[in-house]
Protein backbone atom coordinates (compact mmCIF):
# COMPACT_ATOMS: atom_id res chain seq x y z
CA LYS A 1 0.03 -0.07 0.02
CA ALA A 2 1.40 3.41 -1.04
CA VAL A 3 1.98 5.79 1.92
CA LYS A 4 2.16 9.51 1.61
CA ASN A 5 4.77 11.38 3.50
CA ILE A 6 3.17 13.63 6.27
CA GLU A 7 5.86 16.35 5.99
CA ASN A 8 5.87 16.29 2.14
CA PRO A 9 2.49 15.22 0.93
CA GLY A 10 3.66 15.28 -2.74
CA MET A 11 5.94 12.26 -2.04
CA VAL A 12 4.62 8.72 -2.17
CA SER A 13 6.40 5.58 -0.92
CA ALA A 14 5.39 2.02 -1.79
CA LEU A 15 7.49 0.58 0.95
CA HIS A 16 7.17 0.34 4.73
CA PHE A 17 10.43 0.36 6.63
CA VAL A 18 11.01 -0.29 10.41
CA VAL A 19 14.19 -0.36 12.41
CA GLU A 20 13.56 -3.34 14.84
CA GLY A 21 16.91 -3.35 16.71
CA LYS A 22 20.29 -1.78 16.75
CA TRP A 23 23.81 -2.65 18.18
CA LYS A 24 25.76 0.63 18.11
CA ARG A 25 25.19 1.57 14.37
CA ALA A 26 24.39 -1.82 12.99
CA ARG A 27 20.63 -2.22 12.27
CA ALA A 28 18.09 -5.08 12.11
CA CYS A 29 15.25 -3.96 10.01
CA LYS A 30 12.02 -4.97 8.24
CA MET A 31 11.25 -3.51 4.80
CA ALA A 32 7.78 -4.40 3.23
CA LEU A 33 7.81 -4.19 -0.55
CA PRO A 34 4.87 -4.59 -2.97
CA HIS A 35 6.01 -8.16 -3.60
CA PHE A 36 7.67 -9.32 -0.45
CA ASN A 37 8.55 -8.53 3.26
CA CYS A 38 12.27 -8.41 3.52
CA ASN A 39 14.68 -8.67 6.54
CA LEU A 40 17.57 -6.39 6.53
CA PRO A 41 20.69 -6.30 6.38
CA ILE A 42 20.38 -8.13 3.06
CA PHE A 43 22.65 -9.22 0.24
CA MET A 44 21.09 -9.10 -3.20
CA PRO A 45 22.49 -11.28 -5.86
CA VAL A 46 22.77 -9.76 -9.40
CA GLY A 47 20.69 -11.20 -12.23
CA THR A 48 21.79 -8.76 -14.99
CA GLN A 49 19.42 -9.97 -17.82
CA GLY A 50 16.64 -11.42 -15.57
CA THR A 51 18.39 -14.44 -14.25
CA ILE A 52 21.00 -15.37 -11.66
CA LYS A 53 23.37 -17.48 -13.82
CA GLY A 54 23.47 -21.01 -12.63
CA LEU A 55 20.52 -20.84 -10.25
CA THR A 56 16.75 -21.18 -10.79
CA PRO A 57 14.09 -18.98 -9.02
CA LYS A 58 13.13 -22.06 -6.99
CA GLN A 59 16.74 -22.59 -5.73
CA LEU A 60 16.92 -18.86 -4.84
CA GLU A 61 13.75 -19.25 -2.75
CA GLU A 62 15.31 -22.38 -1.15
CA ILE A 63 18.27 -20.28 0.12
CA ASP A 64 15.68 -17.67 1.22
CA CYS A 65 16.83 -14.87 -1.22
CA HIS A 66 14.48 -11.89 -0.58
CA ILE A 67 15.62 -9.52 -3.38
CA ILE A 68 17.39 -9.94 -6.67
CA LEU A 69 18.75 -7.38 -9.14
CA GLY A 70 18.16 -6.75 -12.83
CA ASN A 71 19.99 -4.20 -15.11
CA THR A 72 17.94 -1.62 -16.94
CA TYR A 73 20.46 -1.11 -19.84
CA HIS A 74 21.04 -4.87 -20.58
CA LEU A 75 17.29 -5.64 -20.36
CA ALA A 76 16.47 -2.73 -22.59
CA LEU A 77 18.83 -4.18 -25.26
CA ARG A 78 17.35 -7.69 -24.98
CA PRO A 79 14.60 -8.91 -24.57
CA GLY A 80 13.38 -5.28 -24.41
CA PRO A 81 11.05 -3.57 -21.91
CA ASP A 82 7.94 -3.92 -24.00
CA LEU A 83 8.19 -7.67 -24.11
CA VAL A 84 8.96 -7.84 -20.48
CA GLU A 85 5.95 -5.65 -19.64
CA GLU A 86 3.70 -7.71 -21.79
CA LEU A 87 4.80 -10.94 -19.91
CA GLY A 88 3.91 -9.46 -16.52
CA GLY A 89 6.98 -7.38 -15.81
CA LEU A 90 10.16 -8.94 -14.48
CA HIS A 91 8.24 -10.87 -11.90
CA GLY A 92 6.24 -12.78 -14.51
CA PHE A 93 9.08 -12.92 -16.90
CA MET A 94 11.33 -14.69 -14.26
CA HIS A 95 8.53 -16.46 -12.29
CA TRP A 96 9.80 -14.76 -9.23
CA ASN A 97 7.29 -13.64 -6.55
CA ARG A 98 9.79 -11.85 -4.17
CA GLY A 99 11.56 -8.49 -4.39
CA ILE A 100 13.25 -7.15 -7.44
CA LEU A 101 15.49 -4.03 -7.76
CA THR A 102 16.60 -2.66 -11.06
CA ASP A 103 19.80 -0.53 -11.58
CA SER A 104 19.29 2.51 -13.68
CA GLY A 105 21.99 1.72 -16.30
CA GLY A 106 24.35 4.29 -14.72
CA PHE A 107 27.03 1.75 -13.80
CA GLN A 108 27.59 1.06 -17.46
CA MET A 109 29.13 4.55 -17.69
CA VAL A 110 32.00 2.77 -15.80
CA SER A 111 31.79 -0.85 -17.14
CA LEU A 112 31.24 0.21 -20.81
CA LEU A 113 33.11 3.65 -20.51
CA LYS A 114 34.89 3.20 -23.90
CA LEU A 115 31.37 2.66 -25.46
CA ALA A 116 29.61 5.57 -23.79
CA GLU A 117 29.32 9.44 -24.31
CA ILE A 118 28.05 11.36 -21.27
CA THR A 119 26.25 14.74 -21.78
CA GLU A 120 23.69 16.72 -19.82
CA ALA A 121 21.04 14.96 -21.78
CA GLY A 122 21.98 11.53 -20.68
CA VAL A 123 24.47 8.86 -21.65
CA GLU A 124 24.75 7.44 -25.17
CA PHE A 125 25.90 3.89 -25.42
CA GLU A 126 27.20 1.87 -28.33
CA SER A 127 25.82 -1.66 -28.10
CA PRO A 128 28.68 -4.19 -27.45
CA MET A 129 26.58 -6.66 -29.46
CA ASP A 130 25.89 -4.89 -32.73
CA GLY A 131 27.06 -1.37 -32.48
CA THR A 132 23.73 0.36 -32.46
CA ARG A 133 23.49 3.45 -30.29
CA MET A 134 21.08 4.13 -27.52
CA LEU A 135 20.58 7.37 -25.55
CA LEU A 136 19.68 6.66 -22.00
CA THR A 137 18.22 9.78 -20.36
CA PRO A 138 16.76 9.95 -16.87
CA GLU A 139 13.33 9.95 -18.47
CA ARG A 140 14.08 6.95 -20.65
CA SER A 141 15.60 5.08 -17.64
CA MET A 142 12.34 5.70 -15.68
CA GLU A 143 10.24 4.64 -18.67
CA ILE A 144 12.13 1.36 -19.05
CA GLN A 145 12.14 0.66 -15.24
CA ASN A 146 8.44 1.35 -14.98
CA LYS A 147 7.77 -1.24 -17.67
CA LEU A 148 10.09 -3.74 -15.99
CA GLY A 149 7.99 -3.30 -12.79
CA ALA A 150 10.68 -3.82 -10.04
CA ASP A 151 9.76 -3.01 -6.43
CA ILE A 152 12.79 -0.66 -6.24
CA ILE A 153 14.08 1.40 -9.05
CA MET A 154 17.31 3.46 -9.09
CA ALA A 155 17.76 6.97 -10.35
CA LEU A 156 20.01 7.50 -13.33
CA ASP A 157 23.20 9.07 -11.89
CA ASP A 158 26.42 10.29 -13.46
CA VAL A 159 28.98 7.60 -12.34
CA VAL A 160 32.72 8.24 -12.32
CA PRO A 161 35.27 5.54 -11.66
CA SER A 162 36.47 5.95 -8.06
CA THR A 163 40.14 5.82 -9.27
CA THR A 164 39.63 8.88 -11.55
CA THR A 165 42.14 11.74 -10.75
CA ASP A 166 40.27 14.68 -12.23
CA PRO A 167 38.52 16.58 -9.49
CA LYS A 168 36.45 18.62 -11.98
CA ARG A 169 34.99 15.45 -13.34
CA PHE A 170 33.67 14.42 -9.89
CA ARG A 171 32.19 17.90 -9.27
CA GLU A 172 30.49 17.77 -12.66
CA ALA A 173 29.10 14.36 -11.93
CA THR A 174 27.92 15.37 -8.44
CA TYR A 175 25.83 18.36 -9.54
CA ARG A 176 24.60 16.42 -12.66
CA THR A 177 23.43 13.61 -10.48
CA LEU A 178 21.37 16.14 -8.34
CA ARG A 179 19.82 17.57 -11.55
CA TRP A 180 19.01 14.06 -12.94
CA ILE A 181 17.34 12.87 -9.79
CA ARG A 182 14.73 15.62 -10.19
CA ARG A 183 14.18 14.57 -13.86
CA CYS A 184 13.81 11.01 -12.68
CA MET A 185 11.21 12.08 -9.94
CA THR A 186 9.19 13.95 -12.62
CA ALA A 187 9.27 11.06 -15.11
CA HIS A 188 8.53 8.29 -12.57
CA ALA A 189 5.00 7.11 -13.50
CA CYS A 190 4.42 4.52 -10.77
CA PRO A 191 5.36 5.89 -7.32
CA ASP A 192 2.44 3.99 -5.71
CA LYS A 193 3.93 0.67 -6.97
CA GLN A 194 7.64 1.21 -7.30
CA ASN A 195 10.16 2.93 -4.96
CA LEU A 196 12.65 5.32 -6.51
CA PHE A 197 15.96 5.42 -4.56
CA GLY A 198 18.40 8.36 -5.01
CA ILE A 199 22.16 7.74 -5.34
CA ILE A 200 24.77 9.68 -3.41
CA GLN A 201 27.78 10.61 -5.52
CA GLY A 202 30.96 12.69 -4.91
CA GLY A 203 33.75 10.25 -5.29
CA LEU A 204 36.31 10.26 -2.45
CA ASP A 205 35.74 14.03 -1.77
CA GLU A 206 33.98 14.47 1.66
CA ARG A 207 32.86 18.01 0.67
CA LEU A 208 31.10 16.84 -2.57
CA ARG A 209 29.59 13.84 -0.72
CA SER A 210 28.18 16.38 1.81
CA ILE A 211 26.72 18.54 -0.98
CA CYS A 212 25.08 15.57 -2.54
CA LEU A 213 23.82 14.25 0.81
CA ASP A 214 22.32 17.58 1.95
CA ASP A 215 20.40 18.14 -1.32
CA MET A 216 19.38 14.50 -1.87
CA ILE A 217 17.87 14.19 1.70
CA THR A 218 15.65 17.23 1.10
CA LEU A 219 13.80 15.21 -1.61
CA ASP A 220 12.51 12.71 1.01
CA LEU A 221 12.85 9.69 -1.34
CA PRO A 222 11.79 6.19 -0.21
CA GLY A 223 15.43 5.09 0.15
CA TYR A 224 19.01 6.04 -0.67
CA ALA A 225 22.06 4.38 -2.15
CA ILE A 226 25.79 5.07 -1.65
CA GLY A 227 27.23 5.04 -5.15
CA GLY A 228 30.56 5.47 -6.88
CA LEU A 229 32.58 3.22 -4.69
CA ALA A 230 33.91 -0.35 -4.65
CA GLY A 231 35.84 0.38 -7.79
CA GLY A 232 39.43 -0.28 -6.76
CA GLU A 233 39.91 2.66 -4.49
CA ASP A 234 41.99 2.49 -1.28
CA LYS A 235 40.04 0.43 1.23
CA ASN A 236 40.33 2.97 4.04
CA MET A 237 38.97 5.74 1.79
CA PHE A 238 36.11 3.40 0.77
CA TRP A 239 35.10 2.79 4.47
CA ARG A 240 35.54 6.48 5.25
CA MET A 241 33.06 7.48 2.47
CA VAL A 242 30.58 4.83 3.58
CA ASP A 243 30.88 6.00 7.20
CA GLN A 244 30.29 9.63 6.22
CA CYS A 245 27.17 8.75 4.11
CA ALA A 246 25.62 6.29 6.62
CA ARG A 247 25.95 8.86 9.41
CA ALA A 248 24.08 11.52 7.37
CA LEU A 249 21.41 9.47 5.79
CA PRO A 250 17.94 9.44 7.48
CA GLU A 251 17.46 6.94 10.28
CA ASP A 252 14.05 5.99 8.99
CA LYS A 253 15.06 5.13 5.42
CA PRO A 254 16.82 2.04 3.98
CA ARG A 255 20.55 2.54 3.13
CA TYR A 256 22.02 0.73 0.17
CA CYS A 257 25.73 0.44 -0.59
CA MET A 258 26.04 -0.42 -4.24
CA GLY A 259 28.47 -2.95 -5.72
CA VAL A 260 29.67 -4.31 -2.40
CA GLY A 261 30.05 -8.15 -2.00
CA TYR A 262 33.33 -9.10 -0.36
CA PRO A 263 32.70 -10.65 3.08
CA LEU A 264 34.86 -8.25 5.03
CA ASP A 265 33.29 -5.28 3.31
CA LEU A 266 29.76 -6.51 4.21
CA VAL A 267 30.69 -6.91 7.83
CA VAL A 268 32.36 -3.49 8.13
CA CYS A 269 29.54 -1.70 6.21
CA VAL A 270 26.78 -3.32 8.37
CA ALA A 271 28.64 -2.18 11.41
CA LEU A 272 28.60 1.35 9.93
CA GLY A 273 24.78 1.22 9.52
CA VAL A 274 24.24 0.08 5.93
CA ASP A 275 21.25 -2.25 5.22
CA MET A 276 21.46 -3.41 1.59
CA PHE A 277 24.22 -4.64 -0.70
CA ASP A 278 24.66 -6.23 -4.16
CA CYS A 279 27.55 -7.58 -6.17
CA VAL A 280 28.27 -10.14 -8.89
CA TYR A 281 31.18 -11.50 -6.79
CA PRO A 282 29.58 -14.45 -4.94
CA SER A 283 27.67 -15.91 -7.93
CA ARG A 284 30.54 -15.25 -10.37
CA THR A 285 33.06 -16.82 -7.92
CA GLY A 286 30.87 -19.85 -7.54
CA ARG A 287 30.47 -20.36 -11.27
CA PHE A 288 34.22 -20.57 -11.64
CA GLY A 289 34.64 -23.22 -8.93
CA THR A 290 35.38 -21.27 -5.76
CA ALA A 291 33.03 -21.56 -2.72
CA LEU A 292 32.80 -18.94 0.05
CA VAL A 293 32.95 -20.78 3.40
CA PRO A 294 33.33 -19.61 7.02
CA GLU A 295 37.12 -20.13 6.80
CA GLY A 296 37.46 -18.11 3.52
CA LEU A 297 37.79 -19.28 0.00
CA LEU A 298 37.60 -22.93 -1.04
CA ASN A 299 38.94 -23.77 -4.47
CA LEU A 300 36.84 -26.80 -5.63
CA LYS A 301 39.05 -27.34 -8.57
CA SER A 302 42.13 -28.01 -6.48
CA ALA A 303 43.62 -31.56 -6.26
CA ASP A 304 42.74 -31.67 -2.60
CA CYS A 305 38.88 -31.61 -3.50
CA ALA A 306 39.12 -34.08 -6.32
CA ALA A 307 38.11 -37.09 -4.25
CA ASP A 308 36.70 -35.24 -1.24
CA MET A 309 32.98 -36.28 -1.07
CA ARG A 310 32.14 -34.23 2.02
CA PRO A 311 29.65 -31.30 1.80
CA ILE A 312 31.27 -28.03 0.98
CA ASP A 313 30.21 -26.44 4.30
């Protein structure tokens, strides 16, 4: 059920969020989404094109996965948002009755940087498959995500690799992200069914992060993400930026740190007050024969495991 914010009646949220317990800054929370009631902190596996590679939806339910991710850019290329909408949105397309979050396509500014051109209008990508070009604007990102029908949709932001050395580029991206979130809010057609999260940018610059935080929080969005990190920057700087953002973000909103999946990072970020995480690391690592176990990494392709019939864990 959509809930209007009392202080800002123009804003609508399609989630209900409750902090049930805290230990210092770590939080145990409940988040009710249109399709599922989730426990937080939560790790969300990445199903870029509508599937977690190597796992069926039934297997994901068996391990009690609450939310999975889809990617707006890749799903727009194929099979296309119109077909997905016709088949009942991503939930119907995947036969998945739990939570779904779709990324805006902004991360492809980093992963497909050589194929992307970024302007104030949006980002123009050259398809890695056939070379065709697609202009992804904040409005187009919202249109695609509204058709995909995820419970949580992400604003299109201007993403800069965290290892970039040009301070002017970070400043440009921070202010552009703040302009684009307003275009996303205007274009978002289903606020009573889908929750639009804003993304905090600013690179490793505390001042830019503060500027982005202060402005983004005034918009009173259903939730907020910490973006532009986990890209190879110094680990101490990474944790420092997460600490700054988590301290400033509202206590009564979910906090999502994007692209984080290493076990140590998850533990530290939860201790800093973050609730949600995603990364390709666990599923990709598993597909290539390495298991994550309490003791660390277990290489299942090693000679030691060749005749070992015991369970992995």
